[in-house]
């Protein structure tokens, strides 16, 4: 199977926030503040790529849609959004699939707009998003396989081919792994080899959290959230552990390779 052109491949991402309905039941104003913060983070990230053609996003209530053709940039910016949201205690779960989100032209009324998707891309993205628990960024299997070199399709293969020629230290594909459910792949949004990524939201905020590991954040939240949200945080702990393992494997192998 030929690898796809990362600068010209149609995609659609769908994501929604975890626990929003529960929060509304507790405190409507707090829920609205969370949503406002969510909107602001997405807005500010998209502002940095405003001049980019091939990426379009929508925010609707606690849902987030992205579609276009610039697959690499889309995955990188969505991953950065996950990271920023997590550090504001806002939890996103989503999935990206192949195909662009387009709507059939329909006769509309002045007070009625119709937006019927032309294909099944939105259905596939929503179905894949609902298939996992946790703060996860899932990638459709066929799409991921065509993004990755065959030497990186499993964790064992990656471990044996970290220094694969033609793939730099900061290549975003190093963050794509087979999901723990094995029905898809996922993007390890919490895994950063490039220090500049960590400062994207300001040096001060990062420094304040230097001594707080993601595990400590999760452990603290597990004591505060309702049972049906707790399972998402438990699954997120698994994601964070996998991210740490991928980081260690990558960093050690590349450092050893560079010393030779």
C-alpha atoms as a PDB file:
ATOM      1  CA  UNK A   1       0.000   0.000   0.000  1.00  0.00           C
ATOM      2  CA  UNK A   2       1.469   3.331  -1.087  1.00  0.00           C
ATOM      3  CA  UNK A   3       2.064   6.038   1.498  1.00  0.00           C
ATOM      4  CA  UNK A   4      -0.183   9.069   1.192  1.00  0.00           C
ATOM      5  CA  UNK A   5       0.752  12.677   0.517  1.00  0.00           C
ATOM      6  CA  UNK A   6       0.514  14.311   3.939  1.00  0.00           C
ATOM      7  CA  UNK A   7       0.027  17.720   2.343  1.00  0.00           C
ATOM      8  CA  UNK A   8      -2.837  16.652   0.101  1.00  0.00           C
ATOM      9  CA  UNK A   9      -5.006  13.995   1.740  1.00  0.00           C
ATOM     10  CA  UNK A  10      -8.655  14.484   2.626  1.00  0.00           C
ATOM     11  CA  UNK A  11      -9.528  13.976   6.296  1.00  0.00           C
ATOM     12  CA  UNK A  12     -12.243  14.641   8.860  1.00  0.00           C
ATOM     13  CA  UNK A  13     -11.835  14.911  12.635  1.00  0.00           C
ATOM     14  CA  UNK A  14     -14.664  14.795  15.159  1.00  0.00           C
ATOM     15  CA  UNK A  15     -14.240  15.281  18.891  1.00  0.00           C
ATOM     16  CA  UNK A  16     -16.301  16.145  21.932  1.00  0.00           C
ATOM     17  CA  UNK A  17     -15.627  17.044  25.526  1.00  0.00           C
ATOM     18  CA  UNK A  18     -15.946  14.480  28.290  1.00  0.00           C
ATOM     19  CA  UNK A  19     -18.118  15.197  31.312  1.00  0.00           C
ATOM     20  CA  UNK A  20     -19.800  18.368  30.041  1.00  0.00           C
ATOM     21  CA  UNK A  21     -23.354  17.191  30.734  1.00  0.00           C
ATOM     22  CA  UNK A  22     -22.391  16.177  34.271  1.00  0.00           C
ATOM     23  CA  UNK A  23     -20.831  19.563  34.861  1.00  0.00           C
ATOM     24  CA  UNK A  24     -23.994  21.360  33.688  1.00  0.00           C
ATOM     25  CA  UNK A  25     -25.975  19.368  36.244  1.00  0.00           C
ATOM     26  CA  UNK A  26     -23.644  20.556  38.992  1.00  0.00           C
ATOM     27  CA  UNK A  27     -23.066  24.184  38.020  1.00  0.00           C
ATOM     28  CA  UNK A  28     -24.211  25.793  34.775  1.00  0.00           C
ATOM     29  CA  UNK A  29     -21.896  28.791  35.102  1.00  0.00           C
ATOM     30  CA  UNK A  30     -18.863  26.579  35.682  1.00  0.00           C
ATOM     31  CA  UNK A  31     -19.781  24.501  32.637  1.00  0.00           C
ATOM     32  CA  UNK A  32     -20.106  27.635  30.515  1.00  0.00           C
ATOM     33  CA  UNK A  33     -16.700  28.855  31.695  1.00  0.00           C
ATOM     34  CA  UNK A  34     -15.199  25.511  30.671  1.00  0.00           C
ATOM     35  CA  UNK A  35     -16.784  25.809  27.239  1.00  0.00           C
ATOM     36  CA  UNK A  36     -15.553  29.395  26.874  1.00  0.00           C
ATOM     37  CA  UNK A  37     -12.050  28.228  27.741  1.00  0.00           C
ATOM     38  CA  UNK A  38     -12.392  25.384  25.232  1.00  0.00           C
ATOM     39  CA  UNK A  39     -13.448  27.816  22.507  1.00  0.00           C
ATOM     40  CA  UNK A  40     -10.606  30.216  23.354  1.00  0.00           C
ATOM     41  CA  UNK A  41      -7.927  27.502  23.191  1.00  0.00           C
ATOM     42  CA  UNK A  42      -9.166  26.170  19.858  1.00  0.00           C
ATOM     43  CA  UNK A  43      -9.531  29.718  18.490  1.00  0.00           C
ATOM     44  CA  UNK A  44      -5.992  30.688  19.500  1.00  0.00           C
ATOM     45  CA  UNK A  45      -4.475  27.524  18.034  1.00  0.00           C
ATOM     46  CA  UNK A  46      -6.347  27.960  14.765  1.00  0.00           C
ATOM     47  CA  UNK A  47      -5.318  31.603  14.637  1.00  0.00           C
ATOM     48  CA  UNK A  48      -1.696  30.453  14.257  1.00  0.00           C
ATOM     49  CA  UNK A  49      -2.637  28.635  11.031  1.00  0.00           C
ATOM     50  CA  UNK A  50      -5.220  31.126   9.772  1.00  0.00           C
ATOM     51  CA  UNK A  51      -3.281  31.611   6.530  1.00  0.00           C
ATOM     52  CA  UNK A  52      -3.148  27.849   5.879  1.00  0.00           C
ATOM     53  CA  UNK A  53      -5.425  26.590   3.156  1.00  0.00           C
ATOM     54  CA  UNK A  54      -6.752  23.060   3.418  1.00  0.00           C
ATOM     55  CA  UNK A  55      -7.890  23.123   7.068  1.00  0.00           C
ATOM     56  CA  UNK A  56     -11.312  24.239   8.268  1.00  0.00           C
ATOM     57  CA  UNK A  57     -12.808  23.852  11.737  1.00  0.00           C
ATOM     58  CA  UNK A  58     -16.180  24.236  13.463  1.00  0.00           C
ATOM     59  CA  UNK A  59     -17.125  24.479  17.118  1.00  0.00           C
ATOM     60  CA  UNK A  60     -20.654  23.524  18.102  1.00  0.00           C
ATOM     61  CA  UNK A  61     -21.587  23.268  21.770  1.00  0.00           C
ATOM     62  CA  UNK A  62     -19.017  20.824  23.214  1.00  0.00           C
ATOM     63  CA  UNK A  63     -18.199  19.279  19.821  1.00  0.00           C
ATOM     64  CA  UNK A  64     -15.271  20.055  17.535  1.00  0.00           C
ATOM     65  CA  UNK A  65     -15.016  19.329  13.794  1.00  0.00           C
ATOM     66  CA  UNK A  66     -12.009  19.720  11.492  1.00  0.00           C
ATOM     67  CA  UNK A  67     -11.795  18.811   7.822  1.00  0.00           C
ATOM     68  CA  UNK A  68      -9.597  19.532   4.829  1.00  0.00           C
ATOM     69  CA  UNK A  69      -6.570  18.214   2.973  1.00  0.00           C
ATOM     70  CA  UNK A  70      -3.499  19.268   5.014  1.00  0.00           C
ATOM     71  CA  UNK A  71      -3.340  16.097   7.096  1.00  0.00           C
ATOM     72  CA  UNK A  72       0.056  16.647   8.735  1.00  0.00           C
ATOM     73  CA  UNK A  73      -0.737  20.166   9.910  1.00  0.00           C
ATOM     74  CA  UNK A  74      -4.197  19.135  11.106  1.00  0.00           C
ATOM     75  CA  UNK A  75      -2.868  16.305  13.276  1.00  0.00           C
ATOM     76  CA  UNK A  76      -0.159  18.519  14.730  1.00  0.00           C
ATOM     77  CA  UNK A  77      -2.531  21.382  15.587  1.00  0.00           C
ATOM     78  CA  UNK A  78      -5.205  19.066  17.022  1.00  0.00           C
ATOM     79  CA  UNK A  79      -2.532  17.341  19.125  1.00  0.00           C
ATOM     80  CA  UNK A  80      -1.438  20.740  20.458  1.00  0.00           C
ATOM     81  CA  UNK A  81      -5.067  21.511  21.315  1.00  0.00           C
ATOM     82  CA  UNK A  82      -5.324  18.260  23.299  1.00  0.00           C
ATOM     83  CA  UNK A  83      -2.209  19.183  25.256  1.00  0.00           C
ATOM     84  CA  UNK A  84      -3.427  22.687  26.086  1.00  0.00           C
ATOM     85  CA  UNK A  85      -6.918  21.511  27.019  1.00  0.00           C
ATOM     86  CA  UNK A  86      -5.542  18.809  29.332  1.00  0.00           C
ATOM     87  CA  UNK A  87      -3.532  21.355  31.290  1.00  0.00           C
ATOM     88  CA  UNK A  88      -6.698  23.368  31.788  1.00  0.00           C
ATOM     89  CA  UNK A  89      -8.591  20.274  33.043  1.00  0.00           C
ATOM     90  CA  UNK A  90     -10.661  20.102  29.843  1.00  0.00           C
ATOM     91  CA  UNK A  91     -10.860  16.616  28.384  1.00  0.00           C
ATOM     92  CA  UNK A  92     -11.337  15.966  24.671  1.00  0.00           C
ATOM     93  CA  UNK A  93     -11.927  12.621  22.942  1.00  0.00           C
ATOM     94  CA  UNK A  94     -11.874  12.438  19.168  1.00  0.00           C
ATOM     95  CA  UNK A  95     -11.082  10.537  15.995  1.00  0.00           C
ATOM     96  CA  UNK A  96      -9.779  11.331  12.526  1.00  0.00           C
ATOM     97  CA  UNK A  97     -10.736   9.406   9.389  1.00  0.00           C
ATOM     98  CA  UNK A  98     -10.029   9.618   5.679  1.00  0.00           C
ATOM     99  CA  UNK A  99     -12.328  11.746   3.525  1.00  0.00           C
ATOM    100  CA  UNK A 100     -13.417  15.382   3.573  1.00  0.00           C
ATOM    101  CA  UNK A 101     -16.623  16.520   5.252  1.00  0.00           C
ATOM    102  CA  UNK A 102     -18.897  17.968   2.575  1.00  0.00           C
ATOM    103  CA  UNK A 103     -22.594  18.669   2.551  1.00  0.00           C
ATOM    104  CA  UNK A 104     -25.230  18.086  -0.112  1.00  0.00           C
ATOM    105  CA  UNK A 105     -26.741  21.304  -1.454  1.00  0.00           C
ATOM    106  CA  UNK A 106     -30.366  21.390  -0.353  1.00  0.00           C
ATOM    107  CA  UNK A 107     -33.223  23.823  -0.739  1.00  0.00           C
ATOM    108  CA  UNK A 108     -33.344  25.851   2.464  1.00  0.00           C
ATOM    109  CA  UNK A 109     -35.768  28.221   4.120  1.00  0.00           C
ATOM    110  CA  UNK A 110     -34.941  31.592   5.590  1.00  0.00           C
ATOM    111  CA  UNK A 111     -35.315  29.995   9.014  1.00  0.00           C
ATOM    112  CA  UNK A 112     -34.110  26.452   8.234  1.00  0.00           C
ATOM    113  CA  UNK A 113     -30.626  25.332   7.163  1.00  0.00           C
ATOM    114  CA  UNK A 114     -29.938  21.770   6.026  1.00  0.00           C
ATOM    115  CA  UNK A 115     -26.490  20.216   6.359  1.00  0.00           C
ATOM    116  CA  UNK A 116     -26.648  16.602   5.219  1.00  0.00           C
ATOM    117  CA  UNK A 117     -23.171  15.057   4.823  1.00  0.00           C
ATOM    118  CA  UNK A 118     -22.497  13.742   1.332  1.00  0.00           C
ATOM    119  CA  UNK A 119     -20.607  10.645   2.504  1.00  0.00           C
ATOM    120  CA  UNK A 120     -20.166   8.522   5.619  1.00  0.00           C
ATOM    121  CA  UNK A 121     -17.055  10.345   6.888  1.00  0.00           C
ATOM    122  CA  UNK A 122     -18.790  12.024   9.814  1.00  0.00           C
ATOM    123  CA  UNK A 123     -20.519   8.793  10.813  1.00  0.00           C
ATOM    124  CA  UNK A 124     -17.189   6.942  10.703  1.00  0.00           C
ATOM    125  CA  UNK A 125     -15.439   9.612  12.768  1.00  0.00           C
ATOM    126  CA  UNK A 126     -18.184   9.701  15.409  1.00  0.00           C
ATOM    127  CA  UNK A 127     -18.337   5.887  15.585  1.00  0.00           C
ATOM    128  CA  UNK A 128     -14.569   5.624  16.007  1.00  0.00           C
ATOM    129  CA  UNK A 129     -14.534   8.368  18.643  1.00  0.00           C
ATOM    130  CA  UNK A 130     -17.197   6.548  20.669  1.00  0.00           C
ATOM    131  CA  UNK A 131     -15.293   3.246  20.453  1.00  0.00           C
ATOM    132  CA  UNK A 132     -12.678   4.223  23.053  1.00  0.00           C
ATOM    133  CA  UNK A 133     -12.544   5.615  26.560  1.00  0.00           C
ATOM    134  CA  UNK A 134     -10.221   8.321  27.770  1.00  0.00           C
ATOM    135  CA  UNK A 135      -8.659  11.535  26.511  1.00  0.00           C
ATOM    136  CA  UNK A 136      -7.761   9.927  23.222  1.00  0.00           C
ATOM    137  CA  UNK A 137      -6.996  11.058  19.663  1.00  0.00           C
ATOM    138  CA  UNK A 138      -7.825   8.009  17.547  1.00  0.00           C
ATOM    139  CA  UNK A 139      -6.794   7.547  13.911  1.00  0.00           C
ATOM    140  CA  UNK A 140      -8.645   5.316  11.471  1.00  0.00           C
ATOM    141  CA  UNK A 141      -6.542   2.208  10.810  1.00  0.00           C
ATOM    142  CA  UNK A 142      -6.402   2.494   7.015  1.00  0.00           C
ATOM    143  CA  UNK A 143      -5.436   6.155   7.259  1.00  0.00           C
ATOM    144  CA  UNK A 144      -2.676   5.527   9.837  1.00  0.00           C
ATOM    145  CA  UNK A 145      -1.197   2.593   7.934  1.00  0.00           C
ATOM    146  CA  UNK A 146      -0.813   4.780   4.865  1.00  0.00           C
ATOM    147  CA  UNK A 147       0.888   7.501   6.922  1.00  0.00           C
ATOM    148  CA  UNK A 148       3.442   5.259   8.615  1.00  0.00           C
ATOM    149  CA  UNK A 149       6.446   3.433   7.193  1.00  0.00           C
ATOM    150  CA  UNK A 150       5.873  -0.335   7.412  1.00  0.00           C
ATOM    151  CA  UNK A 151       8.767  -0.484   9.900  1.00  0.00           C
ATOM    152  CA  UNK A 152       6.685   1.478  12.449  1.00  0.00           C
ATOM    153  CA  UNK A 153       3.324  -0.281  12.263  1.00  0.00           C
ATOM    154  CA  UNK A 154       3.660  -1.923  15.700  1.00  0.00           C
ATOM    155  CA  UNK A 155       5.461  -1.017  18.921  1.00  0.00           C
ATOM    156  CA  UNK A 156       7.983  -3.833  18.447  1.00  0.00           C
ATOM    157  CA  UNK A 157       8.717  -2.800  14.880  1.00  0.00           C
ATOM    158  CA  UNK A 158       9.184   0.813  15.956  1.00  0.00           C
ATOM    159  CA  UNK A 159      11.509  -0.207  18.798  1.00  0.00           C
ATOM    160  CA  UNK A 160      13.743  -2.016  16.301  1.00  0.00           C
ATOM    161  CA  UNK A 161      13.655   0.805  13.732  1.00  0.00           C
ATOM    162  CA  UNK A 162      13.692   4.058  15.717  1.00  0.00           C
ATOM    163  CA  UNK A 163      16.544   5.470  13.634  1.00  0.00           C
ATOM    164  CA  UNK A 164      14.875   4.693  10.314  1.00  0.00           C
ATOM    165  CA  UNK A 165      16.496   6.773   7.589  1.00  0.00           C
ATOM    166  CA  UNK A 166      14.488   9.731   6.336  1.00  0.00           C
ATOM    167  CA  UNK A 167      12.546  10.390   9.569  1.00  0.00           C
ATOM    168  CA  UNK A 168      13.773  13.204  11.811  1.00  0.00           C
ATOM    169  CA  UNK A 169      13.743  13.301  15.587  1.00  0.00           C
ATOM    170  CA  UNK A 170      10.664  15.517  15.675  1.00  0.00           C
ATOM    171  CA  UNK A 171       8.657  13.757  12.971  1.00  0.00           C
ATOM    172  CA  UNK A 172       5.030  13.750  14.147  1.00  0.00           C
ATOM    173  CA  UNK A 173       4.610  10.130  13.032  1.00  0.00           C
ATOM    174  CA  UNK A 174       6.731   9.011  15.974  1.00  0.00           C
ATOM    175  CA  UNK A 175       3.659   9.778  18.088  1.00  0.00           C
ATOM    176  CA  UNK A 176       1.333   7.442  16.139  1.00  0.00           C
ATOM    177  CA  UNK A 177       0.928   3.994  17.723  1.00  0.00           C
ATOM    178  CA  UNK A 178      -1.402   1.036  17.481  1.00  0.00           C
ATOM    179  CA  UNK A 179      -4.236   1.651  19.949  1.00  0.00           C
ATOM    180  CA  UNK A 180      -4.556  -0.543  23.018  1.00  0.00           C
ATOM    181  CA  UNK A 181      -7.806  -1.907  21.541  1.00  0.00           C
ATOM    182  CA  UNK A 182      -5.930  -2.837  18.300  1.00  0.00           C
ATOM    183  CA  UNK A 183      -8.841  -1.729  16.097  1.00  0.00           C
ATOM    184  CA  UNK A 184      -7.233   1.601  15.169  1.00  0.00           C
ATOM    185  CA  UNK A 185      -4.179   3.763  15.800  1.00  0.00           C
ATOM    186  CA  UNK A 186      -3.893   6.799  18.033  1.00  0.00           C
ATOM    187  CA  UNK A 187      -1.835   9.955  18.398  1.00  0.00           C
ATOM    188  CA  UNK A 188       0.152  10.325  21.614  1.00  0.00           C
ATOM    189  CA  UNK A 189      -0.626  13.999  22.167  1.00  0.00           C
ATOM    190  CA  UNK A 190       1.210  14.071  25.521  1.00  0.00           C
ATOM    191  CA  UNK A 191       4.515  12.887  24.002  1.00  0.00           C
ATOM    192  CA  UNK A 192       6.910  15.743  23.158  1.00  0.00           C
ATOM    193  CA  UNK A 193      10.480  15.428  21.902  1.00  0.00           C
ATOM    194  CA  UNK A 194      10.650  18.991  20.659  1.00  0.00           C
ATOM    195  CA  UNK A 195      11.090  21.369  23.646  1.00  0.00           C
ATOM    196  CA  UNK A 196       9.554  24.256  21.702  1.00  0.00           C
ATOM    197  CA  UNK A 197       6.196  22.443  21.708  1.00  0.00           C
ATOM    198  CA  UNK A 198       6.038  22.665  25.478  1.00  0.00           C
ATOM    199  CA  UNK A 199       6.347  26.435  25.459  1.00  0.00           C
ATOM    200  CA  UNK A 200       3.559  27.033  22.982  1.00  0.00           C
ATOM    201  CA  UNK A 201       1.240  28.332  25.704  1.00  0.00           C
ATOM    202  CA  UNK A 202       3.772  30.456  27.528  1.00  0.00           C
ATOM    203  CA  UNK A 203       6.886  29.767  29.562  1.00  0.00           C
ATOM    204  CA  UNK A 204       5.282  30.753  32.862  1.00  0.00           C
ATOM    205  CA  UNK A 205       2.482  28.205  32.632  1.00  0.00           C
ATOM    206  CA  UNK A 206       4.922  25.430  31.771  1.00  0.00           C
ATOM    207  CA  UNK A 207       7.282  26.318  34.626  1.00  0.00           C
ATOM    208  CA  UNK A 208       4.399  26.251  37.113  1.00  0.00           C
ATOM    209  CA  UNK A 209       3.729  22.648  36.116  1.00  0.00           C
ATOM    210  CA  UNK A 210       7.323  21.413  35.931  1.00  0.00           C
ATOM    211  CA  UNK A 211       7.000  19.584  39.225  1.00  0.00           C
ATOM    212  CA  UNK A 212       3.552  18.144  38.508  1.00  0.00           C
ATOM    213  CA  UNK A 213       3.549  14.968  36.440  1.00  0.00           C
ATOM    214  CA  UNK A 214       0.526  14.063  34.296  1.00  0.00           C
ATOM    215  CA  UNK A 215       0.054  11.027  36.517  1.00  0.00           C
ATOM    216  CA  UNK A 216      -0.321  13.232  39.572  1.00  0.00           C
ATOM    217  CA  UNK A 217      -2.879  15.350  37.735  1.00  0.00           C
ATOM    218  CA  UNK A 218      -4.885  12.232  36.862  1.00  0.00           C
ATOM    219  CA  UNK A 219      -4.606  10.733  40.357  1.00  0.00           C
ATOM    220  CA  UNK A 220      -5.869  13.956  41.886  1.00  0.00           C
ATOM    221  CA  UNK A 221      -8.819  14.141  39.501  1.00  0.00           C
ATOM    222  CA  UNK A 222      -9.783  10.500  40.093  1.00  0.00           C
ATOM    223  CA  UNK A 223     -10.800  11.482  43.617  1.00  0.00           C
ATOM    224  CA  UNK A 224     -13.075  14.261  42.387  1.00  0.00           C
ATOM    225  CA  UNK A 225     -14.992  12.991  39.367  1.00  0.00           C
ATOM    226  CA  UNK A 226     -18.137  10.822  39.085  1.00  0.00           C
ATOM    227  CA  UNK A 227     -17.788   7.106  38.336  1.00  0.00           C
ATOM    228  CA  UNK A 228     -18.648   7.324  34.634  1.00  0.00           C
ATOM    229  CA  UNK A 229     -15.946   9.972  34.103  1.00  0.00           C
ATOM    230  CA  UNK A 230     -13.423   8.060  36.219  1.00  0.00           C
ATOM    231  CA  UNK A 231     -13.124   5.302  33.623  1.00  0.00           C
ATOM    232  CA  UNK A 232     -11.984   7.893  31.075  1.00  0.00           C
ATOM    233  CA  UNK A 233      -9.222   9.067  33.410  1.00  0.00           C
ATOM    234  CA  UNK A 234      -8.114   5.492  34.091  1.00  0.00           C
ATOM    235  CA  UNK A 235      -7.794   4.896  30.367  1.00  0.00           C
ATOM    236  CA  UNK A 236      -5.907   8.173  30.038  1.00  0.00           C
ATOM    237  CA  UNK A 237      -3.346   6.905  32.550  1.00  0.00           C
ATOM    238  CA  UNK A 238      -2.630   4.093  30.108  1.00  0.00           C
ATOM    239  CA  UNK A 239      -2.152   6.628  27.317  1.00  0.00           C
ATOM    240  CA  UNK A 240       0.282   8.654  29.425  1.00  0.00           C
ATOM    241  CA  UNK A 241       2.304   5.546  30.277  1.00  0.00           C
ATOM    242  CA  UNK A 242       2.507   4.577  26.625  1.00  0.00           C
ATOM    243  CA  UNK A 243       3.600   8.110  25.767  1.00  0.00           C
ATOM    244  CA  UNK A 244       6.375   7.968  28.364  1.00  0.00           C
ATOM    245  CA  UNK A 245       7.560   4.596  27.081  1.00  0.00           C
ATOM    246  CA  UNK A 246       7.605   5.812  23.471  1.00  0.00           C
ATOM    247  CA  UNK A 247       9.531   8.913  24.576  1.00  0.00           C
ATOM    248  CA  UNK A 248      12.176   6.871  26.438  1.00  0.00           C
ATOM    249  CA  UNK A 249      12.607   4.400  23.566  1.00  0.00           C
ATOM    250  CA  UNK A 250      12.907   7.193  21.032  1.00  0.00           C
ATOM    251  CA  UNK A 251      15.164   9.478  23.044  1.00  0.00           C
ATOM    252  CA  UNK A 252      17.553   6.701  24.090  1.00  0.00           C
ATOM    253  CA  UNK A 253      17.835   5.221  20.600  1.00  0.00           C
ATOM    254  CA  UNK A 254      18.379   8.562  18.887  1.00  0.00           C
ATOM    255  CA  UNK A 255      20.930   9.715  21.459  1.00  0.00           C
ATOM    256  CA  UNK A 256      22.867   6.455  21.060  1.00  0.00           C
ATOM    257  CA  UNK A 257      22.680   6.728  17.258  1.00  0.00           C
ATOM    258  CA  UNK A 258      23.982  10.314  17.316  1.00  0.00           C
ATOM    259  CA  UNK A 259      26.949   9.361  19.528  1.00  0.00           C
ATOM    260  CA  UNK A 260      28.122   6.679  17.100  1.00  0.00           C
END
